[in-house]
């Protein structure tokens, strides 16, 4: 519960009031907390008349020592600049694994669908951990088998 509260606080810090926004990119970047270690955006979604893009964020609160991954759905509208956050989803399975770090890649070639590839490196075990998480246009997600998992056995060549 504490980590979710801290994540909410960090997102509050990212939502800088319009009056405080600077046109200078360096000033804008300076308000991003160090606990936000990675951000990737991409893909498109549309639902109930709204449309926009996905944004994935790695939040690593130093007091907690573990990575959390959240996906936001940003609504793009000509009248709303910057985009409006319409949904924020914590990927519970990442939080449950208590990963020390997380690195993101996004596959978003299909409209209304985005697959987030989350990789963590375990220094103690010298082994990577990967999760493939597929999101839909409503912000629902499912954990997908990683490449090589649950794959059918190769067919025997015909003689």
N, C-alpha and C. Protein backbone atom coordinates (compact mmCIF):
# COMPACT_ATOMS: atom_id res chain seq x y z
N UNK A 1 0.82 -1.19 0.00
CA UNK A 1 0.00 0.00 0.00
C UNK A 1 0.87 1.25 0.00
N UNK A 2 1.97 1.21 0.78
CA UNK A 2 2.85 2.36 0.82
C UNK A 2 3.44 2.66 -0.54
N UNK A 3 3.84 1.60 -1.28
CA UNK A 3 4.44 1.85 -2.60
C UNK A 3 3.43 2.45 -3.56
N UNK A 4 2.17 2.04 -3.48
CA UNK A 4 1.15 2.63 -4.36
C UNK A 4 0.94 4.09 -3.99
N UNK A 5 0.97 4.41 -2.70
CA UNK A 5 0.80 5.78 -2.26
C UNK A 5 1.97 6.64 -2.75
N UNK A 6 3.17 6.10 -2.67
CA UNK A 6 4.34 6.83 -3.16
C UNK A 6 4.26 7.04 -4.66
N UNK A 7 3.79 6.00 -5.39
CA UNK A 7 3.63 6.15 -6.85
C UNK A 7 2.65 7.27 -7.17
N UNK A 8 1.55 7.32 -6.41
CA UNK A 8 0.55 8.37 -6.64
C UNK A 8 1.16 9.74 -6.36
N UNK A 9 1.98 9.83 -5.31
CA UNK A 9 2.65 11.08 -5.00
C UNK A 9 3.60 11.50 -6.12
N UNK A 10 4.35 10.54 -6.65
CA UNK A 10 5.27 10.85 -7.75
C UNK A 10 4.53 11.34 -8.98
N UNK A 11 3.37 10.72 -9.26
CA UNK A 11 2.61 11.17 -10.41
C UNK A 11 2.04 12.56 -10.18
N UNK A 12 1.72 12.86 -8.94
CA UNK A 12 1.29 14.20 -8.61
C UNK A 12 2.37 15.22 -8.89
N UNK A 13 3.62 14.84 -8.61
CA UNK A 13 4.74 15.72 -8.90
C UNK A 13 4.94 15.92 -10.39
N UNK A 14 4.62 14.88 -11.17
CA UNK A 14 4.76 15.01 -12.62
C UNK A 14 3.70 15.92 -13.22
N UNK A 15 2.57 16.03 -12.55
CA UNK A 15 1.47 16.85 -13.07
C UNK A 15 1.69 18.30 -12.63
N UNK A 16 2.64 18.94 -13.22
CA UNK A 16 2.99 20.31 -12.86
C UNK A 16 1.88 21.24 -13.34
N UNK A 17 1.38 22.13 -12.48
CA UNK A 17 0.33 23.07 -12.89
C UNK A 17 0.76 23.88 -14.10
N UNK A 18 -0.22 24.26 -14.92
CA UNK A 18 0.06 24.98 -16.16
C UNK A 18 0.89 26.23 -15.93
N UNK A 19 0.62 26.97 -14.86
CA UNK A 19 1.37 28.20 -14.59
C UNK A 19 2.84 27.92 -14.34
N UNK A 20 3.15 26.73 -13.83
CA UNK A 20 4.54 26.40 -13.52
C UNK A 20 5.27 25.79 -14.71
N UNK A 21 4.56 25.47 -15.76
CA UNK A 21 5.19 24.87 -16.94
C UNK A 21 6.10 25.89 -17.60
N UNK A 22 7.25 25.43 -17.98
CA UNK A 22 8.19 26.30 -18.68
C UNK A 22 8.28 25.87 -20.13
N UNK A 23 8.59 26.80 -20.99
CA UNK A 23 8.76 26.47 -22.40
C UNK A 23 10.13 25.83 -22.63
N UNK A 24 11.03 26.01 -21.70
CA UNK A 24 12.39 25.50 -21.81
C UNK A 24 12.40 24.00 -21.50
N UNK A 25 12.81 23.15 -22.46
CA UNK A 25 12.81 21.70 -22.23
C UNK A 25 13.66 21.28 -21.03
N UNK A 26 14.75 21.98 -20.78
CA UNK A 26 15.59 21.64 -19.63
C UNK A 26 14.86 21.89 -18.32
N UNK A 27 14.08 22.96 -18.26
CA UNK A 27 13.31 23.24 -17.05
C UNK A 27 12.20 22.21 -16.88
N UNK A 28 11.57 21.83 -17.98
CA UNK A 28 10.53 20.79 -17.89
C UNK A 28 11.12 19.48 -17.40
N UNK A 29 12.28 19.10 -17.94
CA UNK A 29 12.93 17.85 -17.54
C UNK A 29 13.35 17.89 -16.08
N UNK A 30 13.64 19.05 -15.55
CA UNK A 30 14.12 19.15 -14.17
C UNK A 30 13.03 18.83 -13.14
N UNK A 31 11.76 18.85 -13.54
CA UNK A 31 10.69 18.54 -12.58
C UNK A 31 10.36 17.05 -12.54
N UNK A 32 10.98 16.25 -13.40
CA UNK A 32 10.76 14.80 -13.39
C UNK A 32 11.59 14.21 -12.25
N UNK A 33 10.94 13.56 -11.28
CA UNK A 33 11.70 13.00 -10.15
C UNK A 33 12.69 11.92 -10.61
N UNK A 34 13.80 11.82 -9.90
CA UNK A 34 14.81 10.82 -10.22
C UNK A 34 14.26 9.40 -10.09
N UNK A 35 13.20 9.22 -9.32
CA UNK A 35 12.59 7.90 -9.16
C UNK A 35 11.90 7.41 -10.42
N UNK A 36 11.68 8.29 -11.38
CA UNK A 36 11.15 7.90 -12.69
C UNK A 36 12.36 7.55 -13.54
N UNK A 37 12.62 6.24 -13.68
CA UNK A 37 13.85 5.83 -14.35
C UNK A 37 13.68 5.60 -15.85
N UNK A 38 12.44 5.43 -16.31
CA UNK A 38 12.24 5.22 -17.74
C UNK A 38 10.80 5.55 -18.12
N UNK A 39 10.65 6.11 -19.33
CA UNK A 39 9.33 6.42 -19.89
C UNK A 39 9.37 6.07 -21.37
N UNK A 40 8.38 5.31 -21.83
CA UNK A 40 8.23 5.05 -23.27
C UNK A 40 6.78 5.30 -23.66
N UNK A 41 6.59 5.80 -24.85
CA UNK A 41 5.24 6.08 -25.35
C UNK A 41 5.09 5.49 -26.73
N UNK A 42 3.85 5.16 -27.08
CA UNK A 42 3.59 4.67 -28.42
C UNK A 42 2.23 4.00 -28.52
N UNK A 43 1.93 3.54 -29.72
CA UNK A 43 0.66 2.88 -29.97
C UNK A 43 -0.49 3.86 -29.92
N UNK A 44 -1.62 3.40 -30.41
CA UNK A 44 -2.82 4.23 -30.38
C UNK A 44 -4.00 3.43 -29.85
N UNK A 45 -4.93 4.11 -29.21
CA UNK A 45 -6.15 3.49 -28.72
C UNK A 45 -7.30 4.45 -28.98
N UNK A 46 -8.49 3.90 -29.10
CA UNK A 46 -9.71 4.71 -29.17
C UNK A 46 -10.83 3.94 -28.49
N UNK A 47 -11.62 4.66 -27.69
CA UNK A 47 -12.68 4.05 -26.92
C UNK A 47 -13.69 5.12 -26.52
N UNK A 48 -14.94 4.86 -26.77
CA UNK A 48 -16.04 5.76 -26.36
C UNK A 48 -15.82 7.20 -26.83
N UNK A 49 -15.37 7.37 -28.04
CA UNK A 49 -15.20 8.71 -28.60
C UNK A 49 -13.88 9.38 -28.27
N UNK A 50 -13.11 8.81 -27.35
CA UNK A 50 -11.80 9.37 -27.01
C UNK A 50 -10.73 8.55 -27.71
N UNK A 51 -9.59 9.17 -27.94
CA UNK A 51 -8.48 8.44 -28.55
C UNK A 51 -7.17 9.04 -28.05
N UNK A 52 -6.12 8.23 -28.17
CA UNK A 52 -4.83 8.73 -27.72
C UNK A 52 -3.74 7.69 -27.85
N UNK A 53 -2.74 7.80 -26.97
CA UNK A 53 -1.57 6.93 -27.01
C UNK A 53 -1.34 6.33 -25.62
N UNK A 54 -0.51 5.28 -25.60
CA UNK A 54 -0.11 4.64 -24.35
C UNK A 54 1.23 5.22 -23.91
N UNK A 55 1.43 5.30 -22.59
CA UNK A 55 2.72 5.71 -22.03
C UNK A 55 3.02 4.76 -20.86
N UNK A 56 4.21 4.17 -20.87
CA UNK A 56 4.62 3.27 -19.79
C UNK A 56 5.74 3.95 -19.00
N UNK A 57 5.69 3.77 -17.68
CA UNK A 57 6.61 4.46 -16.79
C UNK A 57 7.17 3.47 -15.77
N UNK A 58 8.48 3.53 -15.55
CA UNK A 58 9.11 2.76 -14.48
C UNK A 58 9.32 3.72 -13.32
N UNK A 59 8.75 3.38 -12.17
CA UNK A 59 8.90 4.17 -10.95
C UNK A 59 9.64 3.32 -9.94
N UNK A 60 10.77 3.84 -9.48
CA UNK A 60 11.60 3.10 -8.52
C UNK A 60 11.85 3.96 -7.29
N UNK A 61 10.88 4.02 -6.37
CA UNK A 61 11.09 4.82 -5.16
C UNK A 61 12.31 4.31 -4.39
N UNK A 62 13.23 5.19 -4.07
CA UNK A 62 14.48 4.78 -3.42
C UNK A 62 14.24 4.14 -2.07
N UNK A 63 13.23 4.57 -1.35
CA UNK A 63 12.96 4.00 -0.02
C UNK A 63 12.45 2.56 -0.12
N UNK A 64 11.83 2.21 -1.24
CA UNK A 64 11.26 0.88 -1.41
C UNK A 64 12.28 -0.07 -2.03
N UNK A 65 13.09 0.42 -2.95
CA UNK A 65 14.12 -0.40 -3.58
C UNK A 65 13.60 -1.40 -4.57
N UNK A 66 12.45 -1.14 -5.17
CA UNK A 66 11.92 -2.03 -6.19
C UNK A 66 11.27 -1.21 -7.29
N UNK A 67 11.25 -1.81 -8.47
CA UNK A 67 10.67 -1.14 -9.63
C UNK A 67 9.18 -1.44 -9.73
N UNK A 68 8.42 -0.43 -10.08
CA UNK A 68 7.00 -0.58 -10.40
C UNK A 68 6.81 -0.08 -11.82
N UNK A 69 5.92 -0.73 -12.55
CA UNK A 69 5.64 -0.30 -13.92
C UNK A 69 4.16 0.07 -13.99
N UNK A 70 3.92 1.25 -14.53
CA UNK A 70 2.56 1.74 -14.71
C UNK A 70 2.36 2.10 -16.17
N UNK A 71 1.15 1.91 -16.66
CA UNK A 71 0.81 2.31 -18.02
C UNK A 71 -0.28 3.36 -17.91
N UNK A 72 -0.07 4.45 -18.62
CA UNK A 72 -1.08 5.50 -18.69
C UNK A 72 -1.65 5.55 -20.09
N UNK A 73 -2.92 5.89 -20.15
CA UNK A 73 -3.57 6.12 -21.44
C UNK A 73 -3.79 7.63 -21.53
N UNK A 74 -3.15 8.24 -22.52
CA UNK A 74 -3.22 9.69 -22.71
C UNK A 74 -4.20 10.00 -23.82
N UNK A 75 -5.17 10.86 -23.54
CA UNK A 75 -6.14 11.29 -24.55
C UNK A 75 -5.56 12.48 -25.30
N UNK A 76 -5.58 12.39 -26.62
CA UNK A 76 -5.10 13.47 -27.46
C UNK A 76 -6.30 14.22 -28.02
N UNK A 77 -6.30 15.51 -27.80
CA UNK A 77 -7.40 16.35 -28.26
C UNK A 77 -6.80 17.70 -28.62
N UNK A 78 -7.27 18.28 -29.71
CA UNK A 78 -6.73 19.56 -30.15
C UNK A 78 -6.89 20.64 -29.08
N UNK A 79 -7.91 20.52 -28.24
CA UNK A 79 -8.15 21.55 -27.22
C UNK A 79 -7.41 21.27 -25.93
N UNK A 80 -6.95 20.05 -25.70
CA UNK A 80 -6.22 19.70 -24.47
C UNK A 80 -4.74 19.55 -24.77
N UNK A 81 -3.98 20.58 -24.46
CA UNK A 81 -2.53 20.51 -24.59
C UNK A 81 -1.97 20.86 -23.22
N UNK A 82 -1.22 20.03 -22.61
CA UNK A 82 -0.75 18.71 -23.03
C UNK A 82 -1.86 17.67 -22.95
N UNK A 83 -1.57 16.44 -23.42
CA UNK A 83 -2.59 15.39 -23.39
C UNK A 83 -3.09 15.14 -21.97
N UNK A 84 -4.31 14.65 -21.88
CA UNK A 84 -4.95 14.37 -20.59
C UNK A 84 -4.78 12.89 -20.24
N UNK A 85 -4.37 12.61 -19.01
CA UNK A 85 -4.26 11.23 -18.54
C UNK A 85 -5.67 10.76 -18.20
N UNK A 86 -6.15 9.73 -18.93
CA UNK A 86 -7.51 9.22 -18.66
C UNK A 86 -7.51 7.94 -17.83
N UNK A 87 -6.37 7.26 -17.79
CA UNK A 87 -6.30 6.02 -17.00
C UNK A 87 -4.85 5.73 -16.67
N UNK A 88 -4.61 5.30 -15.43
CA UNK A 88 -3.29 4.85 -15.00
C UNK A 88 -3.46 3.47 -14.40
N UNK A 89 -2.67 2.52 -14.89
CA UNK A 89 -2.79 1.12 -14.47
C UNK A 89 -1.44 0.63 -13.94
N UNK A 90 -1.42 0.21 -12.69
CA UNK A 90 -0.24 -0.42 -12.11
C UNK A 90 -0.23 -1.88 -12.55
N UNK A 91 0.90 -2.35 -13.06
CA UNK A 91 1.01 -3.76 -13.43
C UNK A 91 1.39 -4.52 -12.16
N UNK A 92 0.38 -5.10 -11.55
CA UNK A 92 0.51 -5.75 -10.24
C UNK A 92 1.54 -6.87 -10.26
N UNK A 93 1.62 -7.60 -11.34
CA UNK A 93 2.53 -8.73 -11.42
C UNK A 93 4.00 -8.29 -11.33
N UNK A 94 4.31 -7.10 -11.79
CA UNK A 94 5.67 -6.57 -11.66
C UNK A 94 5.92 -6.20 -10.19
N UNK A 95 4.97 -5.52 -9.59
CA UNK A 95 5.10 -5.14 -8.18
C UNK A 95 5.25 -6.38 -7.30
N UNK A 96 4.49 -7.43 -7.61
CA UNK A 96 4.55 -8.66 -6.82
C UNK A 96 5.91 -9.34 -6.90
N UNK A 97 6.60 -9.17 -8.03
CA UNK A 97 7.92 -9.81 -8.21
C UNK A 97 9.03 -9.07 -7.45
N UNK A 98 8.74 -7.85 -6.99
CA UNK A 98 9.72 -7.04 -6.25
C UNK A 98 11.06 -6.95 -7.00
N UNK A 99 10.97 -6.58 -8.25
CA UNK A 99 12.16 -6.46 -9.10
C UNK A 99 12.98 -5.23 -8.69
N UNK A 100 14.27 -5.37 -8.70
CA UNK A 100 15.15 -4.24 -8.36
C UNK A 100 15.21 -3.21 -9.47
N UNK A 101 14.93 -3.62 -10.71
CA UNK A 101 14.99 -2.71 -11.85
C UNK A 101 14.03 -3.20 -12.91
N UNK A 102 13.76 -2.36 -13.88
CA UNK A 102 12.90 -2.74 -15.01
C UNK A 102 13.25 -1.86 -16.20
N UNK A 103 13.30 -2.48 -17.36
CA UNK A 103 13.58 -1.79 -18.61
C UNK A 103 12.45 -2.11 -19.57
N UNK A 104 12.05 -1.14 -20.38
CA UNK A 104 10.84 -1.28 -21.19
C UNK A 104 11.13 -1.26 -22.68
N UNK A 105 10.32 -2.02 -23.40
CA UNK A 105 10.23 -1.94 -24.86
C UNK A 105 8.75 -2.05 -25.19
N UNK A 106 8.33 -1.41 -26.25
CA UNK A 106 6.92 -1.38 -26.60
C UNK A 106 6.72 -1.86 -28.03
N UNK A 107 5.77 -2.76 -28.21
CA UNK A 107 5.36 -3.23 -29.53
C UNK A 107 3.93 -2.75 -29.71
N UNK A 108 3.73 -1.84 -30.64
CA UNK A 108 2.41 -1.24 -30.80
C UNK A 108 2.05 -1.09 -32.27
N UNK A 109 2.13 -2.17 -33.02
CA UNK A 109 1.84 -2.10 -34.44
C UNK A 109 0.36 -2.22 -34.76
N UNK A 110 -0.43 -2.71 -33.81
CA UNK A 110 -1.86 -2.89 -34.03
C UNK A 110 -2.63 -1.83 -33.27
N UNK A 111 -3.59 -1.17 -33.94
CA UNK A 111 -4.40 -0.15 -33.28
C UNK A 111 -5.21 -0.79 -32.15
N UNK A 112 -5.37 -0.07 -31.07
CA UNK A 112 -6.13 -0.50 -29.88
C UNK A 112 -5.48 -1.67 -29.15
N UNK A 113 -4.19 -1.83 -29.35
CA UNK A 113 -3.46 -2.90 -28.67
C UNK A 113 -2.00 -2.50 -28.55
N UNK A 114 -1.45 -2.78 -27.38
CA UNK A 114 -0.04 -2.48 -27.14
C UNK A 114 0.53 -3.59 -26.28
N UNK A 115 1.69 -4.09 -26.67
CA UNK A 115 2.39 -5.09 -25.86
C UNK A 115 3.63 -4.43 -25.28
N UNK A 116 3.72 -4.49 -23.97
CA UNK A 116 4.85 -3.93 -23.25
C UNK A 116 5.76 -5.09 -22.85
N UNK A 117 7.02 -4.98 -23.20
CA UNK A 117 8.00 -6.00 -22.83
C UNK A 117 8.82 -5.41 -21.69
N UNK A 118 8.72 -6.05 -20.53
CA UNK A 118 9.40 -5.58 -19.33
C UNK A 118 10.52 -6.56 -19.02
N UNK A 119 11.73 -6.05 -18.93
CA UNK A 119 12.88 -6.90 -18.64
C UNK A 119 13.58 -6.37 -17.40
N UNK A 120 13.96 -7.29 -16.53
CA UNK A 120 14.72 -6.94 -15.32
C UNK A 120 15.96 -7.82 -15.28
N UNK A 121 17.05 -7.23 -14.82
CA UNK A 121 18.29 -7.98 -14.72
C UNK A 121 18.58 -8.26 -13.25
N UNK A 122 18.73 -9.52 -12.92
CA UNK A 122 19.05 -9.92 -11.56
C UNK A 122 20.54 -10.15 -11.42
N UNK A 123 21.24 -9.22 -10.77
CA UNK A 123 22.69 -9.32 -10.64
C UNK A 123 23.11 -10.56 -9.85
N UNK A 124 22.32 -10.91 -8.83
CA UNK A 124 22.68 -12.07 -8.01
C UNK A 124 22.60 -13.37 -8.81
N UNK A 125 21.60 -13.49 -9.63
CA UNK A 125 21.39 -14.73 -10.38
C UNK A 125 21.98 -14.66 -11.79
N UNK A 126 22.42 -13.47 -12.19
CA UNK A 126 22.91 -13.25 -13.56
C UNK A 126 21.91 -13.76 -14.58
N UNK A 127 20.64 -13.46 -14.33
CA UNK A 127 19.58 -13.93 -15.22
C UNK A 127 18.56 -12.82 -15.43
N UNK A 128 18.12 -12.70 -16.67
CA UNK A 128 17.08 -11.72 -16.98
C UNK A 128 15.71 -12.32 -16.68
N UNK A 129 14.79 -11.45 -16.27
CA UNK A 129 13.39 -11.81 -16.10
C UNK A 129 12.62 -10.98 -17.11
N UNK A 130 11.72 -11.61 -17.86
CA UNK A 130 10.93 -10.88 -18.85
C UNK A 130 9.45 -11.15 -18.66
N UNK A 131 8.67 -10.10 -18.87
CA UNK A 131 7.21 -10.21 -18.89
C UNK A 131 6.71 -9.52 -20.15
N UNK A 132 5.76 -10.13 -20.82
CA UNK A 132 5.08 -9.51 -21.95
C UNK A 132 3.66 -9.22 -21.49
N UNK A 133 3.28 -7.95 -21.54
CA UNK A 133 1.98 -7.53 -21.03
C UNK A 133 1.22 -6.86 -22.17
N UNK A 134 0.05 -7.41 -22.50
CA UNK A 134 -0.74 -6.89 -23.63
C UNK A 134 -1.91 -6.07 -23.09
N UNK A 135 -1.99 -4.81 -23.56
CA UNK A 135 -3.05 -3.89 -23.17
C UNK A 135 -4.04 -3.71 -24.30
N UNK A 136 -5.31 -3.48 -23.94
CA UNK A 136 -6.33 -3.17 -24.96
C UNK A 136 -6.76 -1.70 -24.81
N UNK A 137 -7.74 -1.29 -25.60
CA UNK A 137 -8.18 0.11 -25.65
C UNK A 137 -8.93 0.53 -24.40
N UNK A 138 -9.33 -0.40 -23.56
CA UNK A 138 -10.04 -0.07 -22.32
C UNK A 138 -9.11 -0.04 -21.12
N UNK A 139 -7.82 -0.33 -21.34
CA UNK A 139 -6.86 -0.32 -20.25
C UNK A 139 -6.76 -1.65 -19.52
N UNK A 140 -7.41 -2.66 -20.04
CA UNK A 140 -7.29 -4.01 -19.46
C UNK A 140 -6.01 -4.64 -19.99
N UNK A 141 -5.40 -5.49 -19.16
CA UNK A 141 -4.18 -6.14 -19.62
C UNK A 141 -4.17 -7.60 -19.26
N UNK A 142 -3.32 -8.34 -19.97
CA UNK A 142 -3.08 -9.74 -19.66
C UNK A 142 -1.60 -10.03 -19.85
N UNK A 143 -1.10 -10.94 -19.01
CA UNK A 143 0.29 -11.36 -19.12
C UNK A 143 0.35 -12.43 -20.21
N UNK A 144 1.23 -12.23 -21.17
CA UNK A 144 1.36 -13.15 -22.29
C UNK A 144 2.56 -14.06 -22.05
N UNK A 145 2.53 -15.26 -22.62
CA UNK A 145 3.72 -16.12 -22.51
C UNK A 145 4.89 -15.46 -23.23
N UNK A 146 6.06 -15.53 -22.62
CA UNK A 146 7.27 -14.99 -23.26
C UNK A 146 7.64 -15.90 -24.42
N UNK A 147 8.45 -15.37 -25.32
CA UNK A 147 8.89 -16.16 -26.46
C UNK A 147 9.53 -17.44 -25.95
N UNK A 148 9.09 -18.56 -26.50
CA UNK A 148 9.63 -19.86 -26.08
C UNK A 148 8.78 -20.55 -25.03
N UNK A 149 7.93 -19.80 -24.32
CA UNK A 149 7.04 -20.42 -23.33
C UNK A 149 5.77 -20.89 -24.00
N UNK A 150 5.30 -22.01 -23.61
CA UNK A 150 4.05 -22.56 -24.11
C UNK A 150 4.00 -22.63 -25.64
N UNK A 151 5.13 -22.70 -26.26
CA UNK A 151 5.17 -22.80 -27.72
C UNK A 151 4.96 -24.26 -28.11
N UNK A 152 4.23 -24.50 -29.20
CA UNK A 152 4.03 -25.89 -29.61
C UNK A 152 5.36 -26.51 -30.06
N UNK A 153 5.45 -27.82 -29.89
CA UNK A 153 6.66 -28.53 -30.32
C UNK A 153 6.76 -28.43 -31.82
N UNK A 154 7.99 -28.34 -32.35
CA UNK A 154 8.15 -28.25 -33.81
C UNK A 154 7.65 -29.52 -34.46
N UNK A 155 7.03 -29.34 -35.60
CA UNK A 155 6.50 -30.49 -36.35
C UNK A 155 7.65 -31.31 -36.93
N UNK A 156 7.44 -32.62 -37.00
CA UNK A 156 8.43 -33.52 -37.59
C UNK A 156 8.41 -33.30 -39.11
N UNK A 157 9.56 -33.25 -39.74
CA UNK A 157 9.57 -33.09 -41.21
C UNK A 157 8.96 -34.33 -41.88
N UNK A 158 8.23 -34.07 -42.98
CA UNK A 158 7.61 -35.18 -43.72
C UNK A 158 8.67 -35.88 -44.52
N UNK A 159 8.53 -37.22 -44.59
CA UNK A 159 9.50 -38.01 -45.36
C UNK A 159 8.96 -38.28 -46.74
